[in-house]
Amino acid sequence: MAFLELNQVSKGYGFGASRAEVLHDINLSITEGEFVAIVGYSGAGKTTLMSLIAGLQRPDEGSVTLRGEPVTEPGPDRAIVFQNYSLLPWLSVHDNIALAVNEVFSAWPADQRREQVEKHIAMVNLTPARDKKPHELSGGMRQRVSVARALAMDPKILLLDEPLSALDALTRAVLQDEIARIWSESRKTVVLITNDVDEGIMVADRIIPLSAGPRATLGPSVTVDIERPRDRKALNHDSRFKDIRKEIIGYLLGQGGRPKASVTRKLVLPDIEPEDLNQSRSLFRSLRTPRRRSEVKEERVEVE
């Protein structure tokens, strides 16, 4: 039995003529401890797919199960890190994480909860900033707090919904390395949503492309059989990295790409005949016959 399974899942929004079919016939099976990246176009339905796994939405068709149990609502066994930081601005780094820990592990003694918070602050290398508020942190540091808060809940699955998309390239690269390191330490089951193929190859065990919408569906799964830890510089010269990248991009630009618009219009010409055919022929001949310059009258236009 798969740890997480989506079976023939479809999801759309609206009714009647205005209905938009977003996802269609999604089949996904993930084993426990696996790191899976789903790569696709912006607007294809990646966040909708993540919301279905998180239990924030219900599928129109099909089923989502975790350890054989249907996912029908959100729960602490599925922690999600969004694109934005989703931190409470009046709380410190410590208190933002403690809020989640105290809610999920309310039966724990205070010392154990405090230890859980400090452990995960240290895991994302934020101990020196533990008492700072979000406005005192950089974007990368804020996203580290979000990751630490999610992991501190000890979820069965960590869901990452394009968590690095708002960051600059250098900070994004640093956090990709951090996420890979944290996964290697915790071995949580992770599902990453991203539109960056290279990011997926850098951190994941397996990459699955999501075709363009509407009615987006998952393409063929590709195993990232590159030894960990992965060196960013070395990957650029790795033949397997190039093959994986080519296969994923090839699917997204080919079979999984946006369908080309095809518009066929029927041109209807009016069925018109002149009332006097002879007069029309005479007029046509006069238009074709050049006039002498003396026959051309000059028109003078005065402009005030």
C-alpha atoms as a PDB file:
ATOM      1  CA  MET A   1       0.000   0.000   0.000  1.00  0.00           C
ATOM      2  CA  ALA A   2       1.300   3.452  -0.957  1.00  0.00           C
ATOM      3  CA  PHE A   3       1.919   5.964   1.815  1.00  0.00           C
ATOM      4  CA  LEU A   4       0.175   8.771  -0.091  1.00  0.00           C
ATOM      5  CA  GLU A   5      -2.058   7.974  -3.044  1.00  0.00           C
ATOM      6  CA  LEU A   6      -4.192   9.994  -5.429  1.00  0.00           C
ATOM      7  CA  ASN A   7      -6.446   7.839  -7.583  1.00  0.00           C
ATOM      8  CA  GLN A   8      -8.198   9.281 -10.678  1.00  0.00           C
ATOM      9  CA  VAL A   9      -8.530  12.713  -9.074  1.00  0.00           C
ATOM     10  CA  SER A  10     -10.213  15.537 -10.981  1.00  0.00           C
ATOM     11  CA  LYS A  11     -10.996  19.065  -9.804  1.00  0.00           C
ATOM     12  CA  GLY A  12     -12.673  22.093 -11.366  1.00  0.00           C
ATOM     13  CA  TYR A  13     -14.300  25.365 -10.390  1.00  0.00           C
ATOM     14  CA  GLY A  14     -17.552  27.046 -11.370  1.00  0.00           C
ATOM     15  CA  PHE A  15     -20.734  25.794 -12.960  1.00  0.00           C
ATOM     16  CA  GLY A  16     -22.210  25.395 -16.404  1.00  0.00           C
ATOM     17  CA  ALA A  17     -20.622  27.320 -19.258  1.00  0.00           C
ATOM     18  CA  SER A  18     -18.300  29.185 -16.887  1.00  0.00           C
ATOM     19  CA  ARG A  19     -16.856  26.026 -15.317  1.00  0.00           C
ATOM     20  CA  ALA A  20     -13.067  25.612 -15.546  1.00  0.00           C
ATOM     21  CA  GLU A  21     -11.669  22.069 -15.413  1.00  0.00           C
ATOM     22  CA  VAL A  22      -8.294  22.434 -13.678  1.00  0.00           C
ATOM     23  CA  LEU A  23      -7.042  18.904 -12.940  1.00  0.00           C
ATOM     24  CA  HIS A  24      -8.051  15.698 -14.704  1.00  0.00           C
ATOM     25  CA  ASP A  25      -7.312  12.034 -13.964  1.00  0.00           C
ATOM     26  CA  ILE A  26      -4.456  12.626 -11.513  1.00  0.00           C
ATOM     27  CA  ASN A  27      -2.808   9.384 -10.378  1.00  0.00           C
ATOM     28  CA  LEU A  28       0.053   9.641  -7.896  1.00  0.00           C
ATOM     29  CA  SER A  29       1.658   7.154  -5.530  1.00  0.00           C
ATOM     30  CA  ILE A  30       4.361   8.187  -3.017  1.00  0.00           C
ATOM     31  CA  THR A  31       6.249   5.937  -0.613  1.00  0.00           C
ATOM     32  CA  GLU A  32       7.100   6.930   2.961  1.00  0.00           C
ATOM     33  CA  GLY A  33      10.273   8.997   3.259  1.00  0.00           C
ATOM     34  CA  GLU A  34      10.320   9.874  -0.450  1.00  0.00           C
ATOM     35  CA  PHE A  35      11.026  13.400  -1.741  1.00  0.00           C
ATOM     36  CA  VAL A  36       8.883  14.062  -4.827  1.00  0.00           C
ATOM     37  CA  ALA A  37       8.920  17.245  -6.908  1.00  0.00           C
ATOM     38  CA  ILE A  38       6.013  18.153  -9.196  1.00  0.00           C
ATOM     39  CA  VAL A  39       7.078  20.589 -11.910  1.00  0.00           C
ATOM     40  CA  GLY A  40       4.732  22.489 -14.171  1.00  0.00           C
ATOM     41  CA  TYR A  41       3.544  25.723 -15.711  1.00  0.00           C
ATOM     42  CA  SER A  42       2.281  28.630 -13.639  1.00  0.00           C
ATOM     43  CA  GLY A  43      -1.507  28.449 -13.530  1.00  0.00           C
ATOM     44  CA  ALA A  44      -1.631  24.759 -14.457  1.00  0.00           C
ATOM     45  CA  GLY A  45      -3.144  23.713 -11.110  1.00  0.00           C
ATOM     46  CA  LYS A  46      -0.116  22.899  -8.930  1.00  0.00           C
ATOM     47  CA  THR A  47      -1.478  24.755  -5.899  1.00  0.00           C
ATOM     48  CA  THR A  48      -4.880  23.110  -6.389  1.00  0.00           C
ATOM     49  CA  LEU A  49      -3.138  19.738  -6.336  1.00  0.00           C
ATOM     50  CA  MET A  50      -1.323  20.701  -3.138  1.00  0.00           C
ATOM     51  CA  SER A  51      -4.592  21.857  -1.546  1.00  0.00           C
ATOM     52  CA  LEU A  52      -6.181  18.473  -2.314  1.00  0.00           C
ATOM     53  CA  ILE A  53      -3.316  16.634  -0.587  1.00  0.00           C
ATOM     54  CA  ALA A  54      -3.482  19.014   2.371  1.00  0.00           C
ATOM     55  CA  GLY A  55      -7.242  18.488   2.721  1.00  0.00           C
ATOM     56  CA  LEU A  56      -8.015  22.166   2.117  1.00  0.00           C
ATOM     57  CA  GLN A  57     -10.186  21.120  -0.830  1.00  0.00           C
ATOM     58  CA  ARG A  58     -12.051  17.977  -1.834  1.00  0.00           C
ATOM     59  CA  PRO A  59     -11.750  16.411  -5.305  1.00  0.00           C
ATOM     60  CA  ASP A  60     -14.761  16.386  -7.610  1.00  0.00           C
ATOM     61  CA  GLU A  61     -13.856  12.853  -8.648  1.00  0.00           C
ATOM     62  CA  GLY A  62     -11.431  10.258  -7.349  1.00  0.00           C
ATOM     63  CA  SER A  63      -9.816   9.891  -3.926  1.00  0.00           C
ATOM     64  CA  VAL A  64      -6.858  11.079  -1.860  1.00  0.00           C
ATOM     65  CA  THR A  65      -5.627   8.669   0.820  1.00  0.00           C
ATOM     66  CA  LEU A  66      -2.863   8.765   3.414  1.00  0.00           C
ATOM     67  CA  ARG A  67      -1.854   5.371   4.821  1.00  0.00           C
ATOM     68  CA  GLY A  68      -5.052   4.000   3.359  1.00  0.00           C
ATOM     69  CA  GLU A  69      -7.271   6.557   5.130  1.00  0.00           C
ATOM     70  CA  PRO A  70      -9.195   9.121   3.046  1.00  0.00           C
ATOM     71  CA  VAL A  71      -8.049  12.748   3.317  1.00  0.00           C
ATOM     72  CA  THR A  72     -11.186  14.790   3.959  1.00  0.00           C
ATOM     73  CA  GLU A  73      -9.930  17.803   5.935  1.00  0.00           C
ATOM     74  CA  PRO A  74      -6.714  19.550   7.038  1.00  0.00           C
ATOM     75  CA  GLY A  75      -4.697  18.009   9.845  1.00  0.00           C
ATOM     76  CA  PRO A  76      -1.344  18.299  11.630  1.00  0.00           C
ATOM     77  CA  ASP A  77      -0.126  15.167   9.863  1.00  0.00           C
ATOM     78  CA  ARG A  78       0.186  17.324   6.707  1.00  0.00           C
ATOM     79  CA  ALA A  79       2.146  20.536   7.246  1.00  0.00           C
ATOM     80  CA  ILE A  80       2.272  23.023   4.386  1.00  0.00           C
ATOM     81  CA  VAL A  81       4.730  25.812   3.598  1.00  0.00           C
ATOM     82  CA  PHE A  82       3.183  28.404   1.269  1.00  0.00           C
ATOM     83  CA  GLN A  83       4.759  30.793  -1.227  1.00  0.00           C
ATOM     84  CA  ASN A  84       4.328  33.661   1.203  1.00  0.00           C
ATOM     85  CA  TYR A  85       5.752  33.397   4.695  1.00  0.00           C
ATOM     86  CA  SER A  86       2.434  33.265   6.621  1.00  0.00           C
ATOM     87  CA  LEU A  87       4.051  34.420   9.877  1.00  0.00           C
ATOM     88  CA  LEU A  88       2.329  36.422  12.604  1.00  0.00           C
ATOM     89  CA  PRO A  89       4.139  39.784  12.463  1.00  0.00           C
ATOM     90  CA  TRP A  90       3.782  40.553  16.186  1.00  0.00           C
ATOM     91  CA  LEU A  91       5.451  37.290  17.268  1.00  0.00           C
ATOM     92  CA  SER A  92       9.158  36.483  17.340  1.00  0.00           C
ATOM     93  CA  VAL A  93      10.803  33.593  15.504  1.00  0.00           C
ATOM     94  CA  HIS A  94      10.553  31.516  18.685  1.00  0.00           C
ATOM     95  CA  ASP A  95       6.932  32.405  19.353  1.00  0.00           C
ATOM     96  CA  ASN A  96       5.763  31.751  15.762  1.00  0.00           C
ATOM     97  CA  ILE A  97       7.129  28.220  16.012  1.00  0.00           C
ATOM     98  CA  ALA A  98       5.971  27.749  19.612  1.00  0.00           C
ATOM     99  CA  LEU A  99       2.419  28.643  18.598  1.00  0.00           C
ATOM    100  CA  ALA A 100       2.248  25.585  16.329  1.00  0.00           C
ATOM    101  CA  VAL A 101       4.043  23.307  18.796  1.00  0.00           C
ATOM    102  CA  ASN A 102       1.758  24.286  21.685  1.00  0.00           C
ATOM    103  CA  GLU A 103      -1.312  23.651  19.553  1.00  0.00           C
ATOM    104  CA  VAL A 104      -0.260  20.245  18.219  1.00  0.00           C
ATOM    105  CA  PHE A 105       1.469  18.943  21.367  1.00  0.00           C
ATOM    106  CA  SER A 106      -0.650  20.525  24.062  1.00  0.00           C
ATOM    107  CA  ALA A 107      -0.376  17.359  26.195  1.00  0.00           C
ATOM    108  CA  TRP A 108       3.412  17.568  26.328  1.00  0.00           C
ATOM    109  CA  PRO A 109       5.176  19.069  29.381  1.00  0.00           C
ATOM    110  CA  ALA A 110       6.331  22.672  28.900  1.00  0.00           C
ATOM    111  CA  ASP A 111      10.017  21.678  28.922  1.00  0.00           C
ATOM    112  CA  GLN A 112       9.493  19.149  26.135  1.00  0.00           C
ATOM    113  CA  ARG A 113       7.606  21.672  24.015  1.00  0.00           C
ATOM    114  CA  ARG A 114      10.303  24.292  24.574  1.00  0.00           C
ATOM    115  CA  GLU A 115      12.972  21.771  23.554  1.00  0.00           C
ATOM    116  CA  GLN A 116      11.034  20.948  20.380  1.00  0.00           C
ATOM    117  CA  VAL A 117      10.950  24.642  19.435  1.00  0.00           C
ATOM    118  CA  GLU A 118      14.649  25.245  20.092  1.00  0.00           C
ATOM    119  CA  LYS A 119      15.617  22.095  18.208  1.00  0.00           C
ATOM    120  CA  HIS A 120      13.906  23.252  15.031  1.00  0.00           C
ATOM    121  CA  ILE A 121      15.153  26.826  15.312  1.00  0.00           C
ATOM    122  CA  ALA A 122      18.658  25.392  15.372  1.00  0.00           C
ATOM    123  CA  MET A 123      17.842  23.026  12.498  1.00  0.00           C
ATOM    124  CA  VAL A 124      17.289  26.005  10.161  1.00  0.00           C
ATOM    125  CA  ASN A 125      20.270  27.931  11.607  1.00  0.00           C
ATOM    126  CA  LEU A 126      18.203  30.725  13.159  1.00  0.00           C
ATOM    127  CA  THR A 127      19.267  30.500  16.827  1.00  0.00           C
ATOM    128  CA  PRO A 128      20.922  33.965  16.747  1.00  0.00           C
ATOM    129  CA  ALA A 129      17.639  35.438  15.430  1.00  0.00           C
ATOM    130  CA  ARG A 130      15.237  33.545  17.710  1.00  0.00           C
ATOM    131  CA  ASP A 131      13.888  36.713  19.358  1.00  0.00           C
ATOM    132  CA  LYS A 132      13.515  38.811  16.213  1.00  0.00           C
ATOM    133  CA  LYS A 133      10.166  39.720  14.637  1.00  0.00           C
ATOM    134  CA  PRO A 134       9.464  38.910  10.966  1.00  0.00           C
ATOM    135  CA  HIS A 135      10.029  42.519   9.831  1.00  0.00           C
ATOM    136  CA  GLU A 136      13.581  42.255  11.153  1.00  0.00           C
ATOM    137  CA  LEU A 137      14.352  39.216   8.997  1.00  0.00           C
ATOM    138  CA  SER A 138      15.260  38.808   5.350  1.00  0.00           C
ATOM    139  CA  GLY A 139      12.945  36.925   2.991  1.00  0.00           C
ATOM    140  CA  GLY A 140      15.111  33.826   3.172  1.00  0.00           C
ATOM    141  CA  MET A 141      15.141  33.884   6.971  1.00  0.00           C
ATOM    142  CA  ARG A 142      11.352  34.246   7.093  1.00  0.00           C
ATOM    143  CA  GLN A 143      10.923  31.218   4.867  1.00  0.00           C
ATOM    144  CA  ARG A 144      13.274  29.271   7.146  1.00  0.00           C
ATOM    145  CA  VAL A 145      10.954  30.093  10.030  1.00  0.00           C
ATOM    146  CA  SER A 146       8.020  28.728   7.997  1.00  0.00           C
ATOM    147  CA  VAL A 147       9.908  25.502   7.296  1.00  0.00           C
ATOM    148  CA  ALA A 148      10.956  25.161  10.959  1.00  0.00           C
ATOM    149  CA  ARG A 149       7.374  25.716  12.130  1.00  0.00           C
ATOM    150  CA  ALA A 150       6.083  23.044   9.751  1.00  0.00           C
ATOM    151  CA  LEU A 151       8.738  20.506  10.777  1.00  0.00           C
ATOM    152  CA  ALA A 152       8.251  21.246  14.490  1.00  0.00           C
ATOM    153  CA  MET A 153       4.706  19.871  14.163  1.00  0.00           C
ATOM    154  CA  ASP A 154       6.289  16.508  13.290  1.00  0.00           C
ATOM    155  CA  PRO A 155       3.988  15.910  10.300  1.00  0.00           C
ATOM    156  CA  LYS A 156       3.814  12.705   8.302  1.00  0.00           C
ATOM    157  CA  ILE A 157       4.152  14.750   5.097  1.00  0.00           C
ATOM    158  CA  LEU A 158       5.778  18.125   4.470  1.00  0.00           C
ATOM    159  CA  LEU A 159       4.088  19.994   1.611  1.00  0.00           C
ATOM    160  CA  LEU A 160       6.146  22.749  -0.032  1.00  0.00           C
ATOM    161  CA  ASP A 161       4.060  24.972  -2.311  1.00  0.00           C
ATOM    162  CA  GLU A 162       6.685  26.895  -4.323  1.00  0.00           C
ATOM    163  CA  PRO A 163       8.271  28.104  -1.062  1.00  0.00           C
ATOM    164  CA  LEU A 164      11.278  29.721  -2.762  1.00  0.00           C
ATOM    165  CA  SER A 165       9.589  31.440  -5.714  1.00  0.00           C
ATOM    166  CA  ALA A 166       9.634  34.916  -4.116  1.00  0.00           C
ATOM    167  CA  LEU A 167      13.361  34.835  -3.330  1.00  0.00           C
ATOM    168  CA  ASP A 168      16.315  36.094  -5.336  1.00  0.00           C
ATOM    169  CA  ALA A 169      18.425  33.518  -7.184  1.00  0.00           C
ATOM    170  CA  LEU A 170      21.294  33.396  -4.675  1.00  0.00           C
ATOM    171  CA  THR A 171      19.038  33.078  -1.608  1.00  0.00           C
ATOM    172  CA  ARG A 172      16.953  30.493  -3.439  1.00  0.00           C
ATOM    173  CA  ALA A 173      20.046  28.383  -4.118  1.00  0.00           C
ATOM    174  CA  VAL A 174      21.103  28.546  -0.456  1.00  0.00           C
ATOM    175  CA  LEU A 175      17.663  27.446   0.749  1.00  0.00           C
ATOM    176  CA  GLN A 176      17.540  24.617  -1.785  1.00  0.00           C
ATOM    177  CA  ASP A 177      20.690  23.275  -0.143  1.00  0.00           C
ATOM    178  CA  GLU A 178      19.130  23.779   3.295  1.00  0.00           C
ATOM    179  CA  ILE A 179      15.947  21.912   2.345  1.00  0.00           C
ATOM    180  CA  ALA A 180      18.021  19.019   0.982  1.00  0.00           C
ATOM    181  CA  ARG A 181      20.060  18.944   4.193  1.00  0.00           C
ATOM    182  CA  ILE A 182      16.989  19.088   6.448  1.00  0.00           C
ATOM    183  CA  TRP A 183      15.341  16.268   4.490  1.00  0.00           C
ATOM    184  CA  SER A 184      18.442  14.100   4.818  1.00  0.00           C
ATOM    185  CA  GLU A 185      18.289  14.603   8.605  1.00  0.00           C
ATOM    186  CA  SER A 186      14.542  14.195   9.153  1.00  0.00           C
ATOM    187  CA  ARG A 187      13.673  11.814   6.282  1.00  0.00           C
ATOM    188  CA  LYS A 188      10.158  13.189   6.158  1.00  0.00           C
ATOM    189  CA  THR A 189       7.964  12.465   3.172  1.00  0.00           C
ATOM    190  CA  VAL A 190       8.109  15.663   1.108  1.00  0.00           C
ATOM    191  CA  VAL A 191       6.061  16.877  -1.841  1.00  0.00           C
ATOM    192  CA  LEU A 192       7.515  19.961  -3.520  1.00  0.00           C
ATOM    193  CA  ILE A 193       5.594  22.043  -6.035  1.00  0.00           C
ATOM    194  CA  THR A 194       7.818  24.152  -8.289  1.00  0.00           C
ATOM    195  CA  ASN A 195       8.136  25.595 -11.792  1.00  0.00           C
ATOM    196  CA  ASP A 196      11.937  25.244 -11.702  1.00  0.00           C
ATOM    197  CA  VAL A 197      13.149  21.944 -13.199  1.00  0.00           C
ATOM    198  CA  ASP A 198      16.693  22.431 -11.898  1.00  0.00           C
ATOM    199  CA  GLU A 199      15.366  22.954  -8.370  1.00  0.00           C
ATOM    200  CA  GLY A 200      13.508  19.653  -8.539  1.00  0.00           C
ATOM    201  CA  ILE A 201      16.598  17.802  -9.711  1.00  0.00           C
ATOM    202  CA  MET A 202      18.671  19.426  -6.973  1.00  0.00           C
ATOM    203  CA  VAL A 203      16.524  18.240  -4.054  1.00  0.00           C
ATOM    204  CA  ALA A 204      14.142  15.448  -5.077  1.00  0.00           C
ATOM    205  CA  ASP A 205      14.264  11.659  -5.467  1.00  0.00           C
ATOM    206  CA  ARG A 206      11.718  11.785  -8.258  1.00  0.00           C
ATOM    207  CA  ILE A 207      10.292  14.443 -10.577  1.00  0.00           C
ATOM    208  CA  ILE A 208       6.839  14.342 -12.142  1.00  0.00           C
ATOM    209  CA  PRO A 209       5.815  16.958 -14.732  1.00  0.00           C
ATOM    210  CA  LEU A 210       2.314  18.437 -14.655  1.00  0.00           C
ATOM    211  CA  SER A 211       0.958  19.259 -18.090  1.00  0.00           C
ATOM    212  CA  ALA A 212      -0.431  22.653 -18.992  1.00  0.00           C
ATOM    213  CA  GLY A 213      -4.063  23.351 -18.221  1.00  0.00           C
ATOM    214  CA  PRO A 214      -6.935  23.237 -18.580  1.00  0.00           C
ATOM    215  CA  ARG A 215      -7.486  19.606 -17.519  1.00  0.00           C
ATOM    216  CA  ALA A 216      -3.862  19.286 -16.452  1.00  0.00           C
ATOM    217  CA  THR A 217      -2.603  15.814 -15.673  1.00  0.00           C
ATOM    218  CA  LEU A 218       0.627  14.220 -14.488  1.00  0.00           C
ATOM    219  CA  GLY A 219       3.186  13.061 -17.025  1.00  0.00           C
ATOM    220  CA  PRO A 220       5.720  10.233 -16.739  1.00  0.00           C
ATOM    221  CA  SER A 221       7.716  10.052 -13.500  1.00  0.00           C
ATOM    222  CA  VAL A 222      11.499  10.439 -13.735  1.00  0.00           C
ATOM    223  CA  THR A 223      13.813   9.054 -11.047  1.00  0.00           C
ATOM    224  CA  VAL A 224      16.628  11.399 -10.002  1.00  0.00           C
ATOM    225  CA  ASP A 225      19.298   8.765  -9.534  1.00  0.00           C
ATOM    226  CA  ILE A 226      22.098  11.213  -8.753  1.00  0.00           C
ATOM    227  CA  GLU A 227      24.145  10.618  -5.630  1.00  0.00           C
ATOM    228  CA  ARG A 228      23.513  12.813  -2.579  1.00  0.00           C
ATOM    229  CA  PRO A 229      24.654  15.275  -1.388  1.00  0.00           C
ATOM    230  CA  ARG A 230      24.435  16.976  -4.768  1.00  0.00           C
ATOM    231  CA  ASP A 231      27.017  19.559  -5.692  1.00  0.00           C
ATOM    232  CA  ARG A 232      25.468  22.432  -7.636  1.00  0.00           C
ATOM    233  CA  LYS A 233      28.609  23.108  -9.684  1.00  0.00           C
ATOM    234  CA  ALA A 234      29.224  19.447 -10.454  1.00  0.00           C
ATOM    235  CA  LEU A 235      25.627  18.957 -11.657  1.00  0.00           C
ATOM    236  CA  ASN A 236      26.225  21.271 -14.604  1.00  0.00           C
ATOM    237  CA  HIS A 237      28.697  18.711 -15.959  1.00  0.00           C
ATOM    238  CA  ASP A 238      26.737  15.596 -14.952  1.00  0.00           C
ATOM    239  CA  SER A 239      25.387  13.687 -17.966  1.00  0.00           C
ATOM    240  CA  ARG A 240      22.534  12.199 -15.936  1.00  0.00           C
ATOM    241  CA  PHE A 241      21.471  15.704 -14.804  1.00  0.00           C
ATOM    242  CA  LYS A 242      21.362  16.791 -18.442  1.00  0.00           C
ATOM    243  CA  ASP A 243      19.336  13.733 -19.460  1.00  0.00           C
ATOM    244  CA  ILE A 244      16.751  14.250 -16.700  1.00  0.00           C
ATOM    245  CA  ARG A 245      16.474  17.940 -17.465  1.00  0.00           C
ATOM    246  CA  LYS A 246      16.033  17.233 -21.173  1.00  0.00           C
ATOM    247  CA  GLU A 247      13.337  14.617 -20.545  1.00  0.00           C
ATOM    248  CA  ILE A 248      11.261  16.832 -18.221  1.00  0.00           C
ATOM    249  CA  ILE A 249      11.537  19.957 -20.351  1.00  0.00           C
ATOM    250  CA  GLY A 250      10.887  17.912 -23.478  1.00  0.00           C
ATOM    251  CA  TYR A 251       7.589  16.686 -22.030  1.00  0.00           C
ATOM    252  CA  LEU A 252       6.535  20.155 -20.848  1.00  0.00           C
ATOM    253  CA  LEU A 253       7.277  21.746 -24.216  1.00  0.00           C
ATOM    254  CA  GLY A 254       5.916  18.819 -26.192  1.00  0.00           C
ATOM    255  CA  GLN A 255       3.170  16.442 -25.138  1.00  0.00           C
ATOM    256  CA  GLY A 256       2.492  18.298 -21.884  1.00  0.00           C
ATOM    257  CA  GLY A 257       2.636  21.786 -23.383  1.00  0.00           C
ATOM    258  CA  ARG A 258      -0.124  24.232 -24.050  1.00  0.00           C
ATOM    259  CA  PRO A 259      -2.213  23.204 -27.054  1.00  0.00           C
ATOM    260  CA  LYS A 260      -1.785  25.503 -30.039  1.00  0.00           C
ATOM    261  CA  ALA A 261      -4.832  27.606 -30.722  1.00  0.00           C
ATOM    262  CA  SER A 262      -6.547  26.686 -33.970  1.00  0.00           C
ATOM    263  CA  VAL A 263      -9.196  29.061 -35.285  1.00  0.00           C
ATOM    264  CA  THR A 264     -11.204  28.315 -38.428  1.00  0.00           C
ATOM    265  CA  ARG A 265     -13.395  31.052 -39.812  1.00  0.00           C
ATOM    266  CA  LYS A 266     -15.686  30.832 -42.805  1.00  0.00           C
ATOM    267  CA  LEU A 267     -15.462  33.868 -45.042  1.00  0.00           C
ATOM    268  CA  VAL A 268     -18.785  34.630 -46.716  1.00  0.00           C
ATOM    269  CA  LEU A 269     -18.637  37.070 -49.643  1.00  0.00           C
ATOM    270  CA  PRO A 270     -21.751  39.031 -50.588  1.00  0.00           C
ATOM    271  CA  ASP A 271     -23.482  37.920 -53.773  1.00  0.00           C
ATOM    272  CA  ILE A 272     -23.786  41.307 -55.524  1.00  0.00           C
ATOM    273  CA  GLU A 273     -24.395  42.045 -59.204  1.00  0.00           C
ATOM    274  CA  PRO A 274     -24.596  45.530 -60.729  1.00  0.00           C
ATOM    275  CA  GLU A 275     -28.018  46.678 -61.909  1.00  0.00           C
ATOM    276  CA  ASP A 276     -26.640  47.737 -65.292  1.00  0.00           C
ATOM    277  CA  LEU A 277     -23.890  45.414 -66.455  1.00  0.00           C
ATOM    278  CA  ASN A 278     -23.009  47.562 -69.521  1.00  0.00           C
ATOM    279  CA  GLN A 279     -22.692  50.663 -67.374  1.00  0.00           C
ATOM    280  CA  SER A 280     -20.377  48.807 -65.004  1.00  0.00           C
ATOM    281  CA  ARG A 281     -18.140  47.697 -67.897  1.00  0.00           C
ATOM    282  CA  SER A 282     -17.947  51.265 -69.193  1.00  0.00           C
ATOM    283  CA  LEU A 283     -17.011  52.518 -65.758  1.00  0.00           C
ATOM    284  CA  PHE A 284     -14.325  49.838 -65.420  1.00  0.00           C
ATOM    285  CA  ARG A 285     -12.797  50.820 -68.799  1.00  0.00           C
ATOM    286  CA  SER A 286     -12.754  54.484 -67.831  1.00  0.00           C
ATOM    287  CA  LEU A 287     -10.904  53.682 -64.624  1.00  0.00           C
ATOM    288  CA  ARG A 288      -8.265  51.705 -66.521  1.00  0.00           C
ATOM    289  CA  THR A 289      -7.765  54.428 -69.214  1.00  0.00           C
ATOM    290  CA  PRO A 290      -5.131  56.990 -68.105  1.00  0.00           C
ATOM    291  CA  ARG A 291      -6.261  60.601 -68.337  1.00  0.00           C
ATOM    292  CA  ARG A 292      -4.201  63.333 -69.910  1.00  0.00           C
ATOM    293  CA  ARG A 293      -2.724  65.871 -67.527  1.00  0.00           C
ATOM    294  CA  SER A 294      -4.931  68.572 -69.066  1.00  0.00           C
ATOM    295  CA  GLU A 295      -7.986  66.592 -67.975  1.00  0.00           C
ATOM    296  CA  VAL A 296      -6.916  66.441 -64.369  1.00  0.00           C
ATOM    297  CA  LYS A 297      -8.309  69.293 -62.356  1.00  0.00           C
ATOM    298  CA  GLU A 298      -6.281  70.612 -59.473  1.00  0.00           C
ATOM    299  CA  GLU A 299      -8.030  70.996 -56.181  1.00  0.00           C
ATOM    300  CA  ARG A 300      -6.852  73.630 -53.803  1.00  0.00           C
ATOM    301  CA  VAL A 301      -7.397  73.020 -50.127  1.00  0.00           C
ATOM    302  CA  GLU A 302      -6.957  75.870 -47.748  1.00  0.00           C
ATOM    303  CA  VAL A 303      -6.044  75.044 -44.209  1.00  0.00           C
ATOM    304  CA  GLU A 304      -6.764  77.651 -41.564  1.00  0.00           C
END
